[in-house]
Amino acid sequence: MSVYSIKYTQDIPSTIDKVWDFVSSPMNLKEITPVSMNFIVTSHSIPEKIYAGMMITYKVSPVLGIPLNWCTEITQVSHLQYFVDEQREGPYRIWHHQHILEEIQGGVRMIDIIHYKVPFGILGKLANILFVKKQLKGIFEFRFKRVEEIFGKMK
């Protein structure tokens, strides 16, 4: 069983309250997702803030513009510290994403730790090598730039 792990870290020159306010709003996910993914939140009457047990549905087109349904559950929330989302339906066999915030001198460190498994056995392993891992890297690089545009760069 090949479960892959990736970790991204970004230092943000803002307060933990402001960063939490942004990242804990499900509607802001579109703001930090590449336009090419055709990301659409499809949940109806979505609350402004996440909570443990919350289910969020999306449509996303990660490969060749083919739309896929994706459903994640917010499984854990610790206000101003972290939250975890896990895929319940979507393109991965396993998707577990930890969003961690830490106060640092001059701002906030945002850490994303993702554990994922691609379906289709050996074909999935090959797909991960050829494009899945690169695509995830591209998504987080885009997000890094968008967060810098929204909050500024650390000095």
N, C-alpha and C. Protein backbone atom coordinates (compact mmCIF):
# COMPACT_ATOMS: atom_id res chain seq x y z
N MET A 1 0.85 -1.18 0.00
CA MET A 1 0.00 0.00 0.00
C MET A 1 0.89 1.23 0.00
N SER A 2 0.80 2.03 -1.05
CA SER A 2 1.62 3.24 -1.17
C SER A 2 0.82 4.47 -0.79
N VAL A 3 1.06 4.94 0.43
CA VAL A 3 0.47 6.19 0.86
C VAL A 3 1.60 7.22 0.80
N TYR A 4 1.38 8.27 0.03
CA TYR A 4 2.38 9.31 -0.17
C TYR A 4 2.14 10.45 0.81
N SER A 5 3.22 11.13 1.15
CA SER A 5 3.13 12.28 2.06
C SER A 5 3.85 13.46 1.44
N ILE A 6 3.23 14.62 1.58
CA ILE A 6 3.89 15.86 1.16
C ILE A 6 3.63 16.91 2.24
N LYS A 7 4.56 17.84 2.34
CA LYS A 7 4.45 18.87 3.37
C LYS A 7 4.84 20.21 2.74
N TYR A 8 4.04 21.22 3.01
CA TYR A 8 4.30 22.57 2.53
C TYR A 8 4.24 23.51 3.73
N THR A 9 5.17 24.47 3.77
CA THR A 9 5.23 25.44 4.86
C THR A 9 5.31 26.84 4.27
N GLN A 10 4.54 27.75 4.87
CA GLN A 10 4.57 29.15 4.42
C GLN A 10 4.48 30.06 5.63
N ASP A 11 5.37 31.06 5.68
CA ASP A 11 5.32 32.07 6.73
C ASP A 11 4.57 33.28 6.19
N ILE A 12 3.61 33.75 6.97
CA ILE A 12 2.68 34.79 6.55
C ILE A 12 2.77 35.96 7.52
N PRO A 13 2.97 37.19 6.99
CA PRO A 13 3.08 38.37 7.86
C PRO A 13 1.70 38.91 8.25
N SER A 14 1.04 38.19 9.13
CA SER A 14 -0.30 38.59 9.56
C SER A 14 -0.53 38.02 10.96
N THR A 15 -1.68 38.32 11.50
CA THR A 15 -2.03 37.76 12.81
C THR A 15 -2.68 36.39 12.63
N ILE A 16 -2.61 35.60 13.68
CA ILE A 16 -3.22 34.28 13.62
C ILE A 16 -4.74 34.39 13.45
N ASP A 17 -5.35 35.43 14.02
CA ASP A 17 -6.80 35.62 13.86
C ASP A 17 -7.17 35.84 12.40
N LYS A 18 -6.41 36.69 11.72
CA LYS A 18 -6.72 36.99 10.31
C LYS A 18 -6.47 35.78 9.41
N VAL A 19 -5.38 35.07 9.64
CA VAL A 19 -5.08 33.90 8.81
C VAL A 19 -6.13 32.81 9.07
N TRP A 20 -6.46 32.57 10.34
CA TRP A 20 -7.49 31.58 10.66
C TRP A 20 -8.82 31.96 10.02
N ASP A 21 -9.19 33.22 10.11
CA ASP A 21 -10.45 33.68 9.53
C ASP A 21 -10.50 33.35 8.04
N PHE A 22 -9.38 33.51 7.36
CA PHE A 22 -9.33 33.22 5.92
C PHE A 22 -9.38 31.72 5.65
N VAL A 23 -8.50 30.95 6.28
CA VAL A 23 -8.40 29.52 5.95
C VAL A 23 -9.57 28.70 6.48
N SER A 24 -10.27 29.19 7.47
CA SER A 24 -11.39 28.43 8.03
C SER A 24 -12.72 28.72 7.34
N SER A 25 -12.68 29.51 6.27
CA SER A 25 -13.88 29.78 5.48
C SER A 25 -13.85 28.91 4.22
N PRO A 26 -14.77 27.96 4.08
CA PRO A 26 -14.77 27.07 2.92
C PRO A 26 -14.84 27.81 1.58
N MET A 27 -15.47 28.96 1.56
CA MET A 27 -15.61 29.69 0.30
C MET A 27 -14.28 30.31 -0.17
N ASN A 28 -13.31 30.42 0.70
CA ASN A 28 -12.01 30.97 0.29
C ASN A 28 -11.13 29.97 -0.42
N LEU A 29 -11.51 28.68 -0.39
CA LEU A 29 -10.70 27.68 -1.06
C LEU A 29 -10.59 27.96 -2.56
N LYS A 30 -11.66 28.44 -3.15
CA LYS A 30 -11.62 28.78 -4.58
C LYS A 30 -10.58 29.87 -4.86
N GLU A 31 -10.41 30.80 -3.90
CA GLU A 31 -9.45 31.89 -4.05
C GLU A 31 -8.02 31.41 -4.19
N ILE A 32 -7.72 30.25 -3.63
CA ILE A 32 -6.34 29.76 -3.62
C ILE A 32 -6.16 28.48 -4.45
N THR A 33 -7.12 28.23 -5.36
CA THR A 33 -7.06 27.07 -6.24
C THR A 33 -6.89 27.56 -7.68
N PRO A 34 -5.98 26.95 -8.44
CA PRO A 34 -5.78 27.38 -9.83
C PRO A 34 -7.08 27.35 -10.63
N VAL A 35 -7.27 28.39 -11.44
CA VAL A 35 -8.47 28.50 -12.27
C VAL A 35 -8.62 27.28 -13.18
N SER A 36 -7.50 26.73 -13.63
CA SER A 36 -7.52 25.58 -14.54
C SER A 36 -8.20 24.35 -13.93
N MET A 37 -8.35 24.33 -12.62
CA MET A 37 -8.99 23.19 -11.95
C MET A 37 -10.52 23.28 -12.02
N ASN A 38 -11.05 24.42 -12.49
CA ASN A 38 -12.52 24.60 -12.57
C ASN A 38 -13.21 24.24 -11.26
N PHE A 39 -12.67 24.73 -10.17
CA PHE A 39 -13.13 24.40 -8.82
C PHE A 39 -14.45 25.11 -8.50
N ILE A 40 -15.46 24.35 -8.11
CA ILE A 40 -16.76 24.90 -7.75
C ILE A 40 -17.24 24.22 -6.46
N VAL A 41 -17.58 25.01 -5.46
CA VAL A 41 -18.21 24.46 -4.25
C VAL A 41 -19.66 24.19 -4.61
N THR A 42 -20.10 22.94 -4.42
CA THR A 42 -21.47 22.56 -4.78
C THR A 42 -22.37 22.35 -3.57
N SER A 43 -21.81 22.45 -2.37
CA SER A 43 -22.63 22.33 -1.16
C SER A 43 -23.65 23.46 -1.13
N HIS A 44 -24.85 23.15 -0.67
CA HIS A 44 -25.89 24.17 -0.53
C HIS A 44 -25.86 24.73 0.89
N SER A 45 -26.16 26.00 1.02
CA SER A 45 -26.24 26.67 2.33
C SER A 45 -25.01 26.38 3.18
N ILE A 46 -23.86 26.61 2.61
CA ILE A 46 -22.62 26.31 3.33
C ILE A 46 -22.36 27.39 4.39
N PRO A 47 -22.04 26.98 5.62
CA PRO A 47 -21.74 27.96 6.67
C PRO A 47 -20.48 28.74 6.35
N GLU A 48 -20.35 29.87 6.99
CA GLU A 48 -19.19 30.73 6.77
C GLU A 48 -17.91 30.13 7.34
N LYS A 49 -18.02 29.34 8.40
CA LYS A 49 -16.84 28.77 9.06
C LYS A 49 -16.96 27.25 9.16
N ILE A 50 -15.82 26.59 9.09
CA ILE A 50 -15.79 25.14 9.21
C ILE A 50 -16.09 24.70 10.64
N TYR A 51 -16.51 23.45 10.78
CA TYR A 51 -16.71 22.83 12.08
C TYR A 51 -16.50 21.33 11.91
N ALA A 52 -16.13 20.65 12.98
CA ALA A 52 -15.92 19.21 12.92
C ALA A 52 -17.22 18.52 12.52
N GLY A 53 -17.12 17.63 11.56
CA GLY A 53 -18.29 16.92 11.05
C GLY A 53 -18.87 17.55 9.79
N MET A 54 -18.42 18.74 9.44
CA MET A 54 -18.93 19.43 8.25
C MET A 54 -18.53 18.68 6.99
N MET A 55 -19.49 18.50 6.10
CA MET A 55 -19.24 17.88 4.80
C MET A 55 -19.31 18.99 3.75
N ILE A 56 -18.32 19.02 2.87
CA ILE A 56 -18.26 20.02 1.81
C ILE A 56 -18.11 19.29 0.49
N THR A 57 -18.97 19.64 -0.48
CA THR A 57 -18.87 19.01 -1.80
C THR A 57 -18.39 20.04 -2.82
N TYR A 58 -17.62 19.52 -3.78
CA TYR A 58 -17.02 20.35 -4.83
C TYR A 58 -17.14 19.62 -6.16
N LYS A 59 -16.93 20.37 -7.20
CA LYS A 59 -16.64 19.82 -8.51
C LYS A 59 -15.27 20.36 -8.86
N VAL A 60 -14.41 19.49 -9.35
CA VAL A 60 -13.05 19.88 -9.68
C VAL A 60 -12.64 19.09 -10.93
N SER A 61 -11.80 19.72 -11.76
CA SER A 61 -11.34 19.07 -12.99
C SER A 61 -9.81 18.99 -12.98
N PRO A 62 -9.26 18.00 -12.26
CA PRO A 62 -7.81 17.95 -12.10
C PRO A 62 -7.06 17.41 -13.31
N VAL A 63 -7.73 16.59 -14.16
CA VAL A 63 -7.04 15.96 -15.28
C VAL A 63 -7.85 16.13 -16.56
N LEU A 64 -7.23 16.71 -17.56
CA LEU A 64 -7.82 16.86 -18.89
C LEU A 64 -9.17 17.55 -18.89
N GLY A 65 -9.43 18.38 -17.89
CA GLY A 65 -10.69 19.12 -17.83
C GLY A 65 -11.91 18.26 -17.52
N ILE A 66 -11.69 17.02 -17.12
CA ILE A 66 -12.79 16.11 -16.80
C ILE A 66 -13.29 16.41 -15.39
N PRO A 67 -14.58 16.82 -15.27
CA PRO A 67 -15.09 17.17 -13.94
C PRO A 67 -15.30 15.94 -13.05
N LEU A 68 -14.89 16.07 -11.80
CA LEU A 68 -15.07 15.02 -10.80
C LEU A 68 -15.78 15.59 -9.59
N ASN A 69 -16.59 14.80 -8.96
CA ASN A 69 -17.19 15.18 -7.68
C ASN A 69 -16.19 14.88 -6.58
N TRP A 70 -16.12 15.77 -5.61
CA TRP A 70 -15.22 15.58 -4.48
C TRP A 70 -15.99 15.98 -3.23
N CYS A 71 -15.96 15.14 -2.23
CA CYS A 71 -16.61 15.41 -0.96
C CYS A 71 -15.57 15.24 0.14
N THR A 72 -15.40 16.28 0.95
CA THR A 72 -14.50 16.17 2.10
C THR A 72 -15.29 16.40 3.38
N GLU A 73 -14.80 15.77 4.42
CA GLU A 73 -15.35 15.98 5.76
C GLU A 73 -14.28 16.67 6.60
N ILE A 74 -14.67 17.72 7.30
CA ILE A 74 -13.78 18.34 8.28
C ILE A 74 -13.89 17.46 9.52
N THR A 75 -12.83 16.71 9.80
CA THR A 75 -12.91 15.72 10.88
C THR A 75 -12.46 16.27 12.23
N GLN A 76 -11.58 17.27 12.21
CA GLN A 76 -11.08 17.84 13.46
C GLN A 76 -10.89 19.35 13.29
N VAL A 77 -11.19 20.09 14.34
CA VAL A 77 -10.95 21.53 14.35
C VAL A 77 -10.49 21.93 15.75
N SER A 78 -9.39 22.66 15.81
CA SER A 78 -8.95 23.29 17.05
C SER A 78 -8.74 24.76 16.71
N HIS A 79 -9.65 25.59 17.18
CA HIS A 79 -9.69 27.01 16.83
C HIS A 79 -8.32 27.67 16.94
N LEU A 80 -7.93 28.36 15.89
CA LEU A 80 -6.67 29.09 15.76
C LEU A 80 -5.44 28.19 15.73
N GLN A 81 -5.62 26.87 15.66
CA GLN A 81 -4.48 25.96 15.66
C GLN A 81 -4.42 25.06 14.44
N TYR A 82 -5.49 24.32 14.18
CA TYR A 82 -5.46 23.39 13.05
C TYR A 82 -6.86 22.91 12.71
N PHE A 83 -6.95 22.35 11.51
CA PHE A 83 -8.12 21.54 11.15
C PHE A 83 -7.67 20.48 10.17
N VAL A 84 -8.47 19.44 10.07
CA VAL A 84 -8.16 18.30 9.21
C VAL A 84 -9.34 18.05 8.30
N ASP A 85 -9.05 17.87 7.01
CA ASP A 85 -10.10 17.43 6.09
C ASP A 85 -9.70 16.08 5.50
N GLU A 86 -10.72 15.23 5.32
CA GLU A 86 -10.52 13.91 4.74
C GLU A 86 -11.52 13.70 3.62
N GLN A 87 -11.04 13.16 2.52
CA GLN A 87 -11.92 12.88 1.39
C GLN A 87 -12.88 11.75 1.72
N ARG A 88 -14.14 11.95 1.38
CA ARG A 88 -15.14 10.90 1.50
C ARG A 88 -15.53 10.35 0.13
N GLU A 89 -15.40 11.19 -0.89
CA GLU A 89 -15.62 10.79 -2.28
C GLU A 89 -14.71 11.66 -3.13
N GLY A 90 -14.08 11.07 -4.14
CA GLY A 90 -13.24 11.88 -5.00
C GLY A 90 -12.18 11.08 -5.71
N PRO A 91 -11.17 11.78 -6.22
CA PRO A 91 -10.18 11.15 -7.09
C PRO A 91 -9.14 10.27 -6.37
N TYR A 92 -9.04 10.35 -5.07
CA TYR A 92 -8.02 9.59 -4.34
C TYR A 92 -8.64 8.41 -3.58
N ARG A 93 -7.82 7.40 -3.33
CA ARG A 93 -8.27 6.31 -2.44
C ARG A 93 -8.24 6.82 -1.01
N ILE A 94 -7.20 7.60 -0.70
CA ILE A 94 -7.05 8.21 0.62
C ILE A 94 -6.63 9.67 0.41
N TRP A 95 -7.24 10.57 1.17
CA TRP A 95 -6.83 11.98 1.21
C TRP A 95 -7.03 12.46 2.64
N HIS A 96 -5.94 12.79 3.29
CA HIS A 96 -5.96 13.28 4.67
C HIS A 96 -5.08 14.52 4.69
N HIS A 97 -5.68 15.69 4.96
CA HIS A 97 -4.98 16.96 4.84
C HIS A 97 -5.06 17.72 6.17
N GLN A 98 -3.90 17.92 6.78
CA GLN A 98 -3.80 18.68 8.02
C GLN A 98 -3.39 20.11 7.68
N HIS A 99 -4.14 21.08 8.20
CA HIS A 99 -3.86 22.50 8.05
C HIS A 99 -3.47 23.00 9.43
N ILE A 100 -2.21 23.37 9.61
CA ILE A 100 -1.70 23.74 10.94
C ILE A 100 -1.23 25.20 10.91
N LEU A 101 -1.62 25.96 11.93
CA LEU A 101 -1.17 27.34 12.07
C LEU A 101 -0.37 27.47 13.36
N GLU A 102 0.77 28.15 13.27
CA GLU A 102 1.60 28.41 14.45
C GLU A 102 2.00 29.88 14.45
N GLU A 103 1.87 30.52 15.59
CA GLU A 103 2.36 31.90 15.70
C GLU A 103 3.88 31.87 15.72
N ILE A 104 4.48 32.75 14.92
CA ILE A 104 5.93 32.91 14.89
C ILE A 104 6.22 34.40 15.02
N GLN A 105 7.47 34.74 15.23
CA GLN A 105 7.82 36.15 15.31
C GLN A 105 7.49 36.83 13.98
N GLY A 106 6.66 37.85 14.05
CA GLY A 106 6.31 38.61 12.86
C GLY A 106 5.16 38.04 12.05
N GLY A 107 4.54 36.97 12.53
CA GLY A 107 3.44 36.43 11.75
C GLY A 107 2.99 35.05 12.14
N VAL A 108 2.63 34.28 11.11
CA VAL A 108 2.04 32.95 11.30
C VAL A 108 2.72 31.99 10.33
N ARG A 109 3.03 30.82 10.82
CA ARG A 109 3.52 29.74 9.95
C ARG A 109 2.32 28.83 9.66
N MET A 110 2.08 28.63 8.37
CA MET A 110 1.02 27.74 7.93
C MET A 110 1.68 26.49 7.37
N ILE A 111 1.28 25.34 7.90
CA ILE A 111 1.86 24.07 7.50
C ILE A 111 0.74 23.18 6.98
N ASP A 112 0.95 22.62 5.81
CA ASP A 112 0.02 21.66 5.24
C ASP A 112 0.73 20.32 5.16
N ILE A 113 0.11 19.30 5.73
CA ILE A 113 0.64 17.95 5.63
C ILE A 113 -0.45 17.11 4.97
N ILE A 114 -0.11 16.52 3.84
CA ILE A 114 -1.07 15.74 3.08
C ILE A 114 -0.58 14.30 2.98
N HIS A 115 -1.46 13.38 3.29
CA HIS A 115 -1.24 11.96 3.05
C HIS A 115 -2.27 11.55 2.02
N TYR A 116 -1.83 10.91 0.96
CA TYR A 116 -2.77 10.52 -0.09
C TYR A 116 -2.37 9.20 -0.71
N LYS A 117 -3.35 8.55 -1.27
CA LYS A 117 -3.14 7.31 -2.01
C LYS A 117 -3.92 7.41 -3.30
N VAL A 118 -3.25 7.09 -4.39
CA VAL A 118 -3.87 7.13 -5.71
C VAL A 118 -4.48 5.75 -5.98
N PRO A 119 -5.69 5.71 -6.59
CA PRO A 119 -6.30 4.41 -6.90
C PRO A 119 -5.59 3.69 -8.06
N PHE A 120 -6.01 2.51 -8.36
CA PHE A 120 -5.59 1.71 -9.53
C PHE A 120 -4.24 1.03 -9.38
N GLY A 121 -3.84 0.70 -8.15
CA GLY A 121 -2.65 -0.12 -7.93
C GLY A 121 -1.40 0.41 -8.61
N ILE A 122 -0.76 -0.46 -9.41
CA ILE A 122 0.49 -0.11 -10.07
C ILE A 122 0.30 1.05 -11.06
N LEU A 123 -0.87 1.11 -11.69
CA LEU A 123 -1.16 2.24 -12.60
C LEU A 123 -1.24 3.55 -11.81
N GLY A 124 -1.78 3.48 -10.60
CA GLY A 124 -1.83 4.65 -9.73
C GLY A 124 -0.44 5.10 -9.32
N LYS A 125 0.44 4.15 -9.02
CA LYS A 125 1.82 4.49 -8.67
C LYS A 125 2.50 5.20 -9.84
N LEU A 126 2.27 4.69 -11.04
CA LEU A 126 2.84 5.30 -12.23
C LEU A 126 2.26 6.70 -12.45
N ALA A 127 0.95 6.82 -12.28
CA ALA A 127 0.29 8.13 -12.42
C ALA A 127 0.86 9.13 -11.41
N ASN A 128 1.12 8.67 -10.20
CA ASN A 128 1.69 9.56 -9.19
C ASN A 128 3.07 10.07 -9.63
N ILE A 129 3.88 9.16 -10.15
CA ILE A 129 5.22 9.53 -10.61
C ILE A 129 5.13 10.49 -11.79
N LEU A 130 4.23 10.21 -12.73
CA LEU A 130 4.15 10.99 -13.97
C LEU A 130 3.48 12.34 -13.81
N PHE A 131 2.38 12.41 -13.01
CA PHE A 131 1.70 13.70 -12.96
C PHE A 131 1.00 14.07 -11.66
N VAL A 132 0.54 13.14 -10.85
CA VAL A 132 -0.23 13.51 -9.66
C VAL A 132 0.62 14.33 -8.70
N LYS A 133 1.80 13.85 -8.36
CA LYS A 133 2.66 14.57 -7.42
C LYS A 133 3.04 15.94 -7.97
N LYS A 134 3.34 16.02 -9.27
CA LYS A 134 3.67 17.31 -9.90
C LYS A 134 2.48 18.25 -9.87
N GLN A 135 1.29 17.72 -10.10
CA GLN A 135 0.10 18.55 -10.09
C GLN A 135 -0.16 19.10 -8.68
N LEU A 136 -0.02 18.26 -7.66
CA LEU A 136 -0.20 18.73 -6.29
C LEU A 136 0.83 19.82 -5.96
N LYS A 137 2.06 19.62 -6.40
CA LYS A 137 3.10 20.64 -6.18
C LYS A 137 2.67 21.95 -6.85
N GLY A 138 2.17 21.88 -8.07
CA GLY A 138 1.72 23.07 -8.78
C GLY A 138 0.57 23.77 -8.07
N ILE A 139 -0.36 23.00 -7.53
CA ILE A 139 -1.50 23.58 -6.81
C ILE A 139 -1.01 24.34 -5.58
N PHE A 140 -0.09 23.74 -4.83
CA PHE A 140 0.40 24.40 -3.62
C PHE A 140 1.34 25.57 -3.94
N GLU A 141 2.06 25.51 -5.06
CA GLU A 141 2.85 26.67 -5.48
C GLU A 141 1.93 27.84 -5.83
N PHE A 142 0.82 27.54 -6.52
CA PHE A 142 -0.16 28.57 -6.84
C PHE A 142 -0.73 29.16 -5.56
N ARG A 143 -1.09 28.28 -4.63
CA ARG A 143 -1.65 28.74 -3.37
C ARG A 143 -0.67 29.63 -2.61
N PHE A 144 0.60 29.24 -2.59
CA PHE A 144 1.63 30.02 -1.92
C PHE A 144 1.64 31.45 -2.48
N LYS A 145 1.63 31.58 -3.81
CA LYS A 145 1.64 32.90 -4.45
C LYS A 145 0.37 33.69 -4.12
N ARG A 146 -0.78 33.03 -4.15
CA ARG A 146 -2.04 33.72 -3.84
C ARG A 146 -2.07 34.21 -2.40
N VAL A 147 -1.58 33.39 -1.48
CA VAL A 147 -1.54 33.78 -0.06
C VAL A 147 -0.60 34.99 0.10
N GLU A 148 0.51 34.99 -0.63
CA GLU A 148 1.40 36.17 -0.59
C GLU A 148 0.70 37.40 -1.13
N GLU A 149 -0.08 37.25 -2.20
CA GLU A 149 -0.82 38.39 -2.76
C GLU A 149 -1.85 38.92 -1.76
N ILE A 150 -2.46 38.02 -1.02
CA ILE A 150 -3.52 38.41 -0.06
C ILE A 150 -2.92 39.00 1.21
N PHE A 151 -1.87 38.37 1.77
CA PHE A 151 -1.33 38.77 3.06
C PHE A 151 0.03 39.47 3.00
N GLY A 152 0.72 39.36 1.88
CA GLY A 152 2.06 39.93 1.75
C GLY A 152 3.13 38.88 2.00
N LYS A 153 4.40 39.29 1.84
CA LYS A 153 5.54 38.40 2.03
C LYS A 153 6.20 38.65 3.37
N MET A 154 6.72 37.60 3.96
CA MET A 154 7.51 37.75 5.19
C MET A 154 8.84 38.39 4.83
N LYS A 155 9.32 39.24 5.72
CA LYS A 155 10.61 39.90 5.49
C LYS A 155 11.71 39.16 6.19
